[in-house]
Amino acid sequence: MTGRIPVPVDVAELVVRRLRGLLAGQGLAVAERVQVSTETGTGPDGGPPSLPWLLVAEDGHTWTWPAVQRAVIRLTVWHHSPHTSKALAALALGLLCVPALPSPILRAEPIAAPLAGIDPHTAAPLATCAAAVFARTPTI
């Protein structure tokens, strides 16, 4: 077989890598020591083991073969207060949606603004929001 084969990428992992770098460079108290992951960890009650914690989850995915993937990415933040959880979720959503240098993530568009609440399992303050993330499909 000749030619290159397009292969879908893990969009959630691309978002994790981007947000880790962007949040670390902010120097803001709300983002200090944040852990960004695709898992909630092994904390008490199945929640995150430390605060603040940003969970990146994929809620839906389409692929316009062979070029572009669109994933609905949900960002959930556990923090020390409803205000700080919402502030960090808003920061992460904003950073994700800012146009970036050429990368596998082509663009991101907000779907839902951050909403604060209390985690029913851990009683920790949390906030959640969502974005549509468009990613380039590499070829191998």
C-alpha atoms as a PDB file:
ATOM      1  CA  MET A   1       0.000   0.000   0.000  1.00  0.00           C
ATOM      2  CA  THR A   2       1.362   3.406  -0.896  1.00  0.00           C
ATOM      3  CA  GLY A   3       0.515   6.758   0.564  1.00  0.00           C
ATOM      4  CA  ARG A   4      -0.109   7.905   4.068  1.00  0.00           C
ATOM      5  CA  ILE A   5      -2.917   6.721   6.308  1.00  0.00           C
ATOM      6  CA  PRO A   6      -4.789   9.276   8.471  1.00  0.00           C
ATOM      7  CA  VAL A   7      -5.009   8.187  12.096  1.00  0.00           C
ATOM      8  CA  PRO A   8      -7.274   9.811  14.715  1.00  0.00           C
ATOM      9  CA  VAL A   9      -5.557  11.352  17.725  1.00  0.00           C
ATOM     10  CA  ASP A  10      -6.538  11.404  21.403  1.00  0.00           C
ATOM     11  CA  VAL A  11      -7.923  14.937  21.562  1.00  0.00           C
ATOM     12  CA  ALA A  12      -8.298  14.832  25.362  1.00  0.00           C
ATOM     13  CA  GLU A  13      -4.581  14.093  25.722  1.00  0.00           C
ATOM     14  CA  LEU A  14      -3.739  16.988  23.377  1.00  0.00           C
ATOM     15  CA  VAL A  15      -5.848  19.284  25.579  1.00  0.00           C
ATOM     16  CA  VAL A  16      -4.147  17.996  28.757  1.00  0.00           C
ATOM     17  CA  ARG A  17      -0.694  18.731  27.347  1.00  0.00           C
ATOM     18  CA  ARG A  18      -1.718  22.189  26.151  1.00  0.00           C
ATOM     19  CA  LEU A  19      -3.407  23.196  29.413  1.00  0.00           C
ATOM     20  CA  ARG A  20      -0.543  21.911  31.584  1.00  0.00           C
ATOM     21  CA  GLY A  21       1.855  24.213  29.785  1.00  0.00           C
ATOM     22  CA  LEU A  22      -0.465  27.200  29.560  1.00  0.00           C
ATOM     23  CA  LEU A  23      -1.657  27.081  33.193  1.00  0.00           C
ATOM     24  CA  ALA A  24       1.863  26.634  34.535  1.00  0.00           C
ATOM     25  CA  GLY A  25       2.923  29.824  32.777  1.00  0.00           C
ATOM     26  CA  GLN A  26       0.150  32.029  34.182  1.00  0.00           C
ATOM     27  CA  GLY A  27       1.631  32.787  37.603  1.00  0.00           C
ATOM     28  CA  LEU A  28      -1.884  33.195  39.062  1.00  0.00           C
ATOM     29  CA  ALA A  29      -2.792  32.026  42.562  1.00  0.00           C
ATOM     30  CA  VAL A  30      -5.934  30.260  41.296  1.00  0.00           C
ATOM     31  CA  ALA A  31      -3.810  28.046  38.995  1.00  0.00           C
ATOM     32  CA  GLU A  32      -0.991  27.409  41.471  1.00  0.00           C
ATOM     33  CA  ARG A  33      -0.178  23.687  41.834  1.00  0.00           C
ATOM     34  CA  VAL A  34      -3.098  22.614  39.622  1.00  0.00           C
ATOM     35  CA  GLN A  35      -2.939  19.035  38.393  1.00  0.00           C
ATOM     36  CA  VAL A  36      -4.332  18.487  34.885  1.00  0.00           C
ATOM     37  CA  SER A  37      -5.328  14.921  34.023  1.00  0.00           C
ATOM     38  CA  THR A  38      -7.744  12.655  32.176  1.00  0.00           C
ATOM     39  CA  GLU A  39      -8.383  10.813  35.454  1.00  0.00           C
ATOM     40  CA  THR A  40      -9.755  11.945  38.804  1.00  0.00           C
ATOM     41  CA  GLY A  41      -7.036  10.128  40.694  1.00  0.00           C
ATOM     42  CA  THR A  42      -7.269   7.957  43.759  1.00  0.00           C
ATOM     43  CA  GLY A  43      -8.359  10.385  46.430  1.00  0.00           C
ATOM     44  CA  PRO A  44     -10.931   9.750  49.134  1.00  0.00           C
ATOM     45  CA  ASP A  45     -14.436   8.957  47.831  1.00  0.00           C
ATOM     46  CA  GLY A  46     -12.983   8.450  44.332  1.00  0.00           C
ATOM     47  CA  GLY A  47     -12.308  12.159  43.907  1.00  0.00           C
ATOM     48  CA  PRO A  48      -9.050  13.928  43.166  1.00  0.00           C
ATOM     49  CA  PRO A  49      -6.190  13.297  45.606  1.00  0.00           C
ATOM     50  CA  SER A  50      -5.295  16.985  45.804  1.00  0.00           C
ATOM     51  CA  LEU A  51      -6.769  20.401  45.062  1.00  0.00           C
ATOM     52  CA  PRO A  52      -6.847  22.104  42.644  1.00  0.00           C
ATOM     53  CA  TRP A  53      -7.523  19.382  40.083  1.00  0.00           C
ATOM     54  CA  LEU A  54      -8.606  19.811  36.440  1.00  0.00           C
ATOM     55  CA  LEU A  55     -10.198  16.809  34.760  1.00  0.00           C
ATOM     56  CA  VAL A  56     -10.246  16.731  30.947  1.00  0.00           C
ATOM     57  CA  ALA A  57     -12.904  14.372  29.561  1.00  0.00           C
ATOM     58  CA  GLU A  58     -14.201  13.719  26.074  1.00  0.00           C
ATOM     59  CA  ASP A  59     -18.001  13.719  25.849  1.00  0.00           C
ATOM     60  CA  GLY A  60     -18.373  13.279  22.092  1.00  0.00           C
ATOM     61  CA  HIS A  61     -16.296  12.897  18.968  1.00  0.00           C
ATOM     62  CA  THR A  62     -16.701  13.160  15.210  1.00  0.00           C
ATOM     63  CA  TRP A  63     -14.140  12.741  12.479  1.00  0.00           C
ATOM     64  CA  THR A  64     -14.387  14.344   9.054  1.00  0.00           C
ATOM     65  CA  TRP A  65     -12.204  11.845   7.268  1.00  0.00           C
ATOM     66  CA  PRO A  66      -9.375  12.279   6.517  1.00  0.00           C
ATOM     67  CA  ALA A  67      -8.574  15.638   7.966  1.00  0.00           C
ATOM     68  CA  VAL A  68     -10.324  17.064  11.030  1.00  0.00           C
ATOM     69  CA  GLN A  69     -11.577  15.650  14.300  1.00  0.00           C
ATOM     70  CA  ARG A  70     -14.100  17.489  16.485  1.00  0.00           C
ATOM     71  CA  ALA A  71     -14.277  16.485  20.120  1.00  0.00           C
ATOM     72  CA  VAL A  72     -16.551  17.891  22.809  1.00  0.00           C
ATOM     73  CA  ILE A  73     -14.222  18.358  25.761  1.00  0.00           C
ATOM     74  CA  ARG A  74     -15.563  18.824  29.280  1.00  0.00           C
ATOM     75  CA  LEU A  75     -13.322  20.566  31.815  1.00  0.00           C
ATOM     76  CA  THR A  76     -14.164  19.887  35.462  1.00  0.00           C
ATOM     77  CA  VAL A  77     -12.259  21.703  38.191  1.00  0.00           C
ATOM     78  CA  TRP A  78     -12.181  20.829  41.888  1.00  0.00           C
ATOM     79  CA  HIS A  79     -10.822  23.676  44.009  1.00  0.00           C
ATOM     80  CA  HIS A  80     -10.997  25.135  47.522  1.00  0.00           C
ATOM     81  CA  SER A  81     -14.146  27.235  46.995  1.00  0.00           C
ATOM     82  CA  PRO A  82     -16.933  27.586  44.415  1.00  0.00           C
ATOM     83  CA  HIS A  83     -15.401  30.910  43.359  1.00  0.00           C
ATOM     84  CA  THR A  84     -11.895  29.535  42.771  1.00  0.00           C
ATOM     85  CA  SER A  85     -13.203  26.431  41.003  1.00  0.00           C
ATOM     86  CA  LYS A  86     -15.214  28.621  38.626  1.00  0.00           C
ATOM     87  CA  ALA A  87     -12.302  31.034  38.144  1.00  0.00           C
ATOM     88  CA  LEU A  88      -9.886  28.237  37.240  1.00  0.00           C
ATOM     89  CA  ALA A  89     -12.423  26.611  34.892  1.00  0.00           C
ATOM     90  CA  ALA A  90     -12.937  29.966  33.150  1.00  0.00           C
ATOM     91  CA  LEU A  91      -9.181  30.490  32.865  1.00  0.00           C
ATOM     92  CA  ALA A  92      -8.640  27.015  31.400  1.00  0.00           C
ATOM     93  CA  LEU A  93     -11.519  27.439  28.939  1.00  0.00           C
ATOM     94  CA  GLY A  94     -10.230  30.837  27.852  1.00  0.00           C
ATOM     95  CA  LEU A  95      -6.669  29.597  27.387  1.00  0.00           C
ATOM     96  CA  LEU A  96      -7.880  26.593  25.413  1.00  0.00           C
ATOM     97  CA  CYS A  97      -9.922  28.817  23.073  1.00  0.00           C
ATOM     98  CA  VAL A  98      -7.199  31.398  22.377  1.00  0.00           C
ATOM     99  CA  PRO A  99      -5.698  30.865  18.920  1.00  0.00           C
ATOM    100  CA  ALA A 100      -2.318  29.194  19.258  1.00  0.00           C
ATOM    101  CA  LEU A 101       0.721  28.629  17.136  1.00  0.00           C
ATOM    102  CA  PRO A 102       0.359  25.834  14.597  1.00  0.00           C
ATOM    103  CA  SER A 103      -0.212  22.585  16.480  1.00  0.00           C
ATOM    104  CA  PRO A 104      -2.385  19.480  16.278  1.00  0.00           C
ATOM    105  CA  ILE A 105      -5.165  21.508  17.955  1.00  0.00           C
ATOM    106  CA  LEU A 106      -6.508  23.720  15.188  1.00  0.00           C
ATOM    107  CA  ARG A 107      -8.967  25.679  17.319  1.00  0.00           C
ATOM    108  CA  ALA A 108     -11.383  25.444  20.232  1.00  0.00           C
ATOM    109  CA  GLU A 109     -14.770  27.074  20.678  1.00  0.00           C
ATOM    110  CA  PRO A 110     -16.646  27.387  23.970  1.00  0.00           C
ATOM    111  CA  ILE A 111     -19.886  25.425  24.251  1.00  0.00           C
ATOM    112  CA  ALA A 112     -20.814  26.025  27.898  1.00  0.00           C
ATOM    113  CA  ALA A 113     -19.465  28.608  30.322  1.00  0.00           C
ATOM    114  CA  PRO A 114     -18.288  27.480  33.769  1.00  0.00           C
ATOM    115  CA  LEU A 115     -20.993  26.540  36.241  1.00  0.00           C
ATOM    116  CA  ALA A 116     -20.070  26.104  39.905  1.00  0.00           C
ATOM    117  CA  GLY A 117     -21.453  23.489  42.252  1.00  0.00           C
ATOM    118  CA  ILE A 118     -20.572  20.931  44.904  1.00  0.00           C
ATOM    119  CA  ASP A 119     -19.376  17.417  44.066  1.00  0.00           C
ATOM    120  CA  PRO A 120     -22.006  15.064  45.529  1.00  0.00           C
ATOM    121  CA  HIS A 121     -19.379  12.343  46.145  1.00  0.00           C
ATOM    122  CA  THR A 122     -16.586  14.365  47.746  1.00  0.00           C
ATOM    123  CA  ALA A 123     -18.419  17.538  48.905  1.00  0.00           C
ATOM    124  CA  ALA A 124     -15.601  19.543  47.282  1.00  0.00           C
ATOM    125  CA  PRO A 125     -16.433  22.701  45.331  1.00  0.00           C
ATOM    126  CA  LEU A 126     -16.254  22.172  41.591  1.00  0.00           C
ATOM    127  CA  ALA A 127     -17.033  23.890  38.315  1.00  0.00           C
ATOM    128  CA  THR A 128     -17.534  22.491  34.856  1.00  0.00           C
ATOM    129  CA  CYS A 129     -17.546  23.891  31.317  1.00  0.00           C
ATOM    130  CA  ALA A 130     -17.197  22.545  27.774  1.00  0.00           C
ATOM    131  CA  ALA A 131     -15.545  23.340  24.459  1.00  0.00           C
ATOM    132  CA  ALA A 132     -15.552  21.958  20.934  1.00  0.00           C
ATOM    133  CA  VAL A 133     -11.946  21.185  20.062  1.00  0.00           C
ATOM    134  CA  PHE A 134     -10.908  20.713  16.445  1.00  0.00           C
ATOM    135  CA  ALA A 135      -7.734  18.723  15.880  1.00  0.00           C
ATOM    136  CA  ARG A 136      -5.638  17.886  12.858  1.00  0.00           C
ATOM    137  CA  THR A 137      -5.500  14.219  11.995  1.00  0.00           C
ATOM    138  CA  PRO A 138      -1.877  13.212  11.395  1.00  0.00           C
ATOM    139  CA  THR A 139      -0.873  10.672   8.791  1.00  0.00           C
ATOM    140  CA  ILE A 140       1.491   7.760   9.263  1.00  0.00           C
END
